[in-house]
Amino acid sequence: GIADSVGAVGEQLAIEHLRKTPGLPKLQMAPRGTKNVDALSRNGDRFSIKTVCEGSKTGTIYPETEDREKQLFEHMLIVKLAEDWSLESIHQLPWTGFVKARSWDKRMNAWYVAFNKRALAPADVIFSAAKPSNR
């Protein structure tokens, strides 16, 4: 059961962590090919999961062509992996936090979130290998 991409590993680790942590939503994978949504909670919230390993920004979130500001998900999970692909941290942004943190990638014509203190300021750290969770 080894995944073949950093993104897939990050999704799997995030979903597993949330499932086993009391007080956090229990997630299941979204149907394959679902645009901008990787997991769904039991109450129907949509989660976009982005993984950062060696880079300094997340993968892209493609807006709707007719409405660039349309809400695409309720929460974004940003998973930080260590060099050995072990779980380092998970940051959770509600949609409003994503809107504050996002930056526009002109080349990709899509949004991303930088992995830095400023962009992650509105995020909750729901897991950190370095320190206990703040939840």
C-alpha atoms as a PDB file:
ATOM      1  CA  GLY A   1       0.000   0.000   0.000  1.00  0.00           C
ATOM      2  CA  ILE A   2       2.703   2.538  -0.781  1.00  0.00           C
ATOM      3  CA  ALA A   3       1.458   5.614  -2.632  1.00  0.00           C
ATOM      4  CA  ASP A   4       3.495   6.918  -5.532  1.00  0.00           C
ATOM      5  CA  SER A   5       3.306  10.671  -4.986  1.00  0.00           C
ATOM      6  CA  VAL A   6       3.926  13.165  -2.203  1.00  0.00           C
ATOM      7  CA  GLY A   7       0.352  14.435  -2.589  1.00  0.00           C
ATOM      8  CA  ALA A   8      -1.166  10.980  -2.208  1.00  0.00           C
ATOM      9  CA  VAL A   9       0.963  10.274   0.877  1.00  0.00           C
ATOM     10  CA  GLY A  10      -0.054  13.612   2.413  1.00  0.00           C
ATOM     11  CA  GLU A  11      -3.740  12.930   1.773  1.00  0.00           C
ATOM     12  CA  GLN A  12      -3.509   9.465   3.295  1.00  0.00           C
ATOM     13  CA  LEU A  13      -1.635  10.685   6.403  1.00  0.00           C
ATOM     14  CA  ALA A  14      -4.027  13.602   6.956  1.00  0.00           C
ATOM     15  CA  ILE A  15      -7.161  11.474   6.618  1.00  0.00           C
ATOM     16  CA  GLU A  16      -5.677   8.821   8.921  1.00  0.00           C
ATOM     17  CA  HIS A  17      -4.694  11.425  11.549  1.00  0.00           C
ATOM     18  CA  LEU A  18      -8.115  13.072  11.557  1.00  0.00           C
ATOM     19  CA  ARG A  19      -9.892   9.700  11.770  1.00  0.00           C
ATOM     20  CA  LYS A  20      -7.973   8.627  14.872  1.00  0.00           C
ATOM     21  CA  THR A  21      -7.994  12.003  16.678  1.00  0.00           C
ATOM     22  CA  PRO A  22     -11.008  12.666  18.929  1.00  0.00           C
ATOM     23  CA  GLY A  23     -12.719  15.991  18.240  1.00  0.00           C
ATOM     24  CA  LEU A  24     -11.581  16.211  14.615  1.00  0.00           C
ATOM     25  CA  PRO A  25     -13.852  15.429  11.647  1.00  0.00           C
ATOM     26  CA  LYS A  26     -13.754  11.900  10.286  1.00  0.00           C
ATOM     27  CA  LEU A  27     -12.878  12.073   6.600  1.00  0.00           C
ATOM     28  CA  GLN A  28     -13.214   9.764   3.641  1.00  0.00           C
ATOM     29  CA  MET A  29     -11.645  10.146   0.231  1.00  0.00           C
ATOM     30  CA  ALA A  30     -13.706  12.107  -2.296  1.00  0.00           C
ATOM     31  CA  PRO A  31     -14.550  10.326  -5.553  1.00  0.00           C
ATOM     32  CA  ARG A  32     -11.583  10.209  -7.937  1.00  0.00           C
ATOM     33  CA  GLY A  33     -11.535  13.195 -10.281  1.00  0.00           C
ATOM     34  CA  THR A  34     -13.473  15.530  -7.965  1.00  0.00           C
ATOM     35  CA  LYS A  35     -12.166  19.023  -8.756  1.00  0.00           C
ATOM     36  CA  ASN A  36     -10.328  20.738  -5.861  1.00  0.00           C
ATOM     37  CA  VAL A  37     -11.815  18.361  -3.247  1.00  0.00           C
ATOM     38  CA  ASP A  38      -9.833  15.429  -1.846  1.00  0.00           C
ATOM     39  CA  ALA A  39     -11.918  14.339   1.139  1.00  0.00           C
ATOM     40  CA  LEU A  40     -15.403  14.665   2.590  1.00  0.00           C
ATOM     41  CA  SER A  41     -16.481  14.761   6.227  1.00  0.00           C
ATOM     42  CA  ARG A  42     -19.428  12.818   7.563  1.00  0.00           C
ATOM     43  CA  ASN A  43     -21.465  16.046   7.658  1.00  0.00           C
ATOM     44  CA  GLY A  44     -20.688  16.854   4.024  1.00  0.00           C
ATOM     45  CA  ASP A  45     -17.896  19.425   4.410  1.00  0.00           C
ATOM     46  CA  ARG A  46     -15.463  19.405   1.492  1.00  0.00           C
ATOM     47  CA  PHE A  47     -11.717  19.320   2.219  1.00  0.00           C
ATOM     48  CA  SER A  48      -8.913  20.208  -0.158  1.00  0.00           C
ATOM     49  CA  ILE A  49      -5.658  18.575   0.969  1.00  0.00           C
ATOM     50  CA  LYS A  50      -2.358  19.993  -0.237  1.00  0.00           C
ATOM     51  CA  THR A  51       1.030  18.546   0.652  1.00  0.00           C
ATOM     52  CA  VAL A  52       4.364  20.350   0.950  1.00  0.00           C
ATOM     53  CA  CYS A  53       7.606  18.400   1.273  1.00  0.00           C
ATOM     54  CA  GLU A  54      10.632  20.250  -0.048  1.00  0.00           C
ATOM     55  CA  GLY A  55       8.866  23.182  -1.695  1.00  0.00           C
ATOM     56  CA  SER A  56       7.646  26.426  -0.218  1.00  0.00           C
ATOM     57  CA  LYS A  57       4.114  26.475  -1.620  1.00  0.00           C
ATOM     58  CA  THR A  58       1.146  24.187  -2.055  1.00  0.00           C
ATOM     59  CA  GLY A  59      -0.146  22.762  -5.266  1.00  0.00           C
ATOM     60  CA  THR A  60      -2.718  24.777  -7.151  1.00  0.00           C
ATOM     61  CA  ILE A  61      -6.424  25.330  -6.646  1.00  0.00           C
ATOM     62  CA  TYR A  62      -8.186  26.073  -9.913  1.00  0.00           C
ATOM     63  CA  PRO A  63     -11.036  28.588  -9.655  1.00  0.00           C
ATOM     64  CA  GLU A  64     -14.299  28.314 -11.537  1.00  0.00           C
ATOM     65  CA  THR A  65     -13.870  30.026 -14.906  1.00  0.00           C
ATOM     66  CA  GLU A  66     -17.144  31.944 -14.629  1.00  0.00           C
ATOM     67  CA  ASP A  67     -16.673  32.980 -10.966  1.00  0.00           C
ATOM     68  CA  ARG A  68     -13.095  33.188  -9.684  1.00  0.00           C
ATOM     69  CA  GLU A  69     -14.332  33.882  -6.120  1.00  0.00           C
ATOM     70  CA  LYS A  70     -16.773  30.956  -5.864  1.00  0.00           C
ATOM     71  CA  GLN A  71     -16.287  28.865  -2.711  1.00  0.00           C
ATOM     72  CA  LEU A  72     -14.819  25.506  -3.756  1.00  0.00           C
ATOM     73  CA  PHE A  73     -14.459  23.766  -0.375  1.00  0.00           C
ATOM     74  CA  GLU A  74     -15.110  24.396   3.317  1.00  0.00           C
ATOM     75  CA  HIS A  75     -11.585  23.577   4.593  1.00  0.00           C
ATOM     76  CA  MET A  76      -8.050  23.255   3.315  1.00  0.00           C
ATOM     77  CA  LEU A  77      -5.574  20.964   5.026  1.00  0.00           C
ATOM     78  CA  ILE A  78      -1.924  21.756   4.357  1.00  0.00           C
ATOM     79  CA  VAL A  79       0.214  18.742   5.170  1.00  0.00           C
ATOM     80  CA  LYS A  80       3.939  19.244   5.740  1.00  0.00           C
ATOM     81  CA  LEU A  81       6.080  16.152   5.220  1.00  0.00           C
ATOM     82  CA  ALA A  82       9.660  15.691   6.403  1.00  0.00           C
ATOM     83  CA  GLU A  83      12.350  14.655   3.932  1.00  0.00           C
ATOM     84  CA  ASP A  84      11.601  10.981   4.695  1.00  0.00           C
ATOM     85  CA  TRP A  85       7.879  11.649   3.941  1.00  0.00           C
ATOM     86  CA  SER A  86       6.881  11.267   7.594  1.00  0.00           C
ATOM     87  CA  LEU A  87       4.194  13.607   8.919  1.00  0.00           C
ATOM     88  CA  GLU A  88       5.636  16.868  10.255  1.00  0.00           C
ATOM     89  CA  SER A  89       2.492  19.016  10.614  1.00  0.00           C
ATOM     90  CA  ILE A  90      -1.071  19.569   9.478  1.00  0.00           C
ATOM     91  CA  HIS A  91      -2.511  23.074   9.176  1.00  0.00           C
ATOM     92  CA  GLN A  92      -6.237  23.680   8.693  1.00  0.00           C
ATOM     93  CA  LEU A  93      -7.677  26.749   7.017  1.00  0.00           C
ATOM     94  CA  PRO A  94     -11.384  27.433   6.694  1.00  0.00           C
ATOM     95  CA  TRP A  95     -12.430  28.855   3.315  1.00  0.00           C
ATOM     96  CA  THR A  96     -12.175  32.425   4.696  1.00  0.00           C
ATOM     97  CA  GLY A  97      -8.627  31.697   5.899  1.00  0.00           C
ATOM     98  CA  PHE A  98      -7.712  30.265   2.502  1.00  0.00           C
ATOM     99  CA  VAL A  99      -8.999  33.461   0.853  1.00  0.00           C
ATOM    100  CA  LYS A 100      -6.746  35.536   3.168  1.00  0.00           C
ATOM    101  CA  ALA A 101      -3.711  33.290   2.687  1.00  0.00           C
ATOM    102  CA  ARG A 102      -3.883  32.513  -1.034  1.00  0.00           C
ATOM    103  CA  SER A 103      -1.696  33.933  -3.785  1.00  0.00           C
ATOM    104  CA  TRP A 104      -2.264  33.917  -7.545  1.00  0.00           C
ATOM    105  CA  ASP A 105       0.002  31.922  -9.845  1.00  0.00           C
ATOM    106  CA  LYS A 106      -0.173  33.730 -13.203  1.00  0.00           C
ATOM    107  CA  ARG A 107       1.519  30.926 -15.106  1.00  0.00           C
ATOM    108  CA  MET A 108      -0.875  28.251 -13.810  1.00  0.00           C
ATOM    109  CA  ASN A 109      -3.890  30.597 -13.704  1.00  0.00           C
ATOM    110  CA  ALA A 110      -4.703  29.220 -10.254  1.00  0.00           C
ATOM    111  CA  TRP A 111      -4.417  29.870  -6.499  1.00  0.00           C
ATOM    112  CA  TYR A 112      -1.788  28.469  -4.124  1.00  0.00           C
ATOM    113  CA  VAL A 113      -0.797  29.009  -0.481  1.00  0.00           C
ATOM    114  CA  ALA A 114       2.791  29.816   0.443  1.00  0.00           C
ATOM    115  CA  PHE A 115       4.167  27.688   3.258  1.00  0.00           C
ATOM    116  CA  ASN A 116       5.322  30.531   5.507  1.00  0.00           C
ATOM    117  CA  LYS A 117       4.297  32.240   8.765  1.00  0.00           C
ATOM    118  CA  ARG A 118       2.349  35.061   7.096  1.00  0.00           C
ATOM    119  CA  ALA A 119       0.229  32.831   4.881  1.00  0.00           C
ATOM    120  CA  LEU A 120      -0.352  30.253   7.611  1.00  0.00           C
ATOM    121  CA  ALA A 121      -1.229  32.816  10.310  1.00  0.00           C
ATOM    122  CA  PRO A 122      -5.005  32.184   9.980  1.00  0.00           C
ATOM    123  CA  ALA A 123      -4.505  28.391  10.113  1.00  0.00           C
ATOM    124  CA  ASP A 124      -5.062  26.070  13.061  1.00  0.00           C
ATOM    125  CA  VAL A 125      -2.222  23.620  13.626  1.00  0.00           C
ATOM    126  CA  ILE A 126      -4.071  20.348  14.155  1.00  0.00           C
ATOM    127  CA  PHE A 127      -0.882  18.276  14.304  1.00  0.00           C
ATOM    128  CA  SER A 128       2.757  19.059  14.864  1.00  0.00           C
ATOM    129  CA  ALA A 129       5.491  16.495  15.391  1.00  0.00           C
ATOM    130  CA  ALA A 130       7.552  19.199  17.095  1.00  0.00           C
ATOM    131  CA  LYS A 131       4.982  20.188  19.744  1.00  0.00           C
ATOM    132  CA  PRO A 132       1.613  19.095  21.125  1.00  0.00           C
ATOM    133  CA  SER A 133      -1.516  20.001  19.164  1.00  0.00           C
ATOM    134  CA  ASN A 134      -3.089  23.366  20.020  1.00  0.00           C
ATOM    135  CA  ARG A 135      -6.603  21.877  19.848  1.00  0.00           C
END
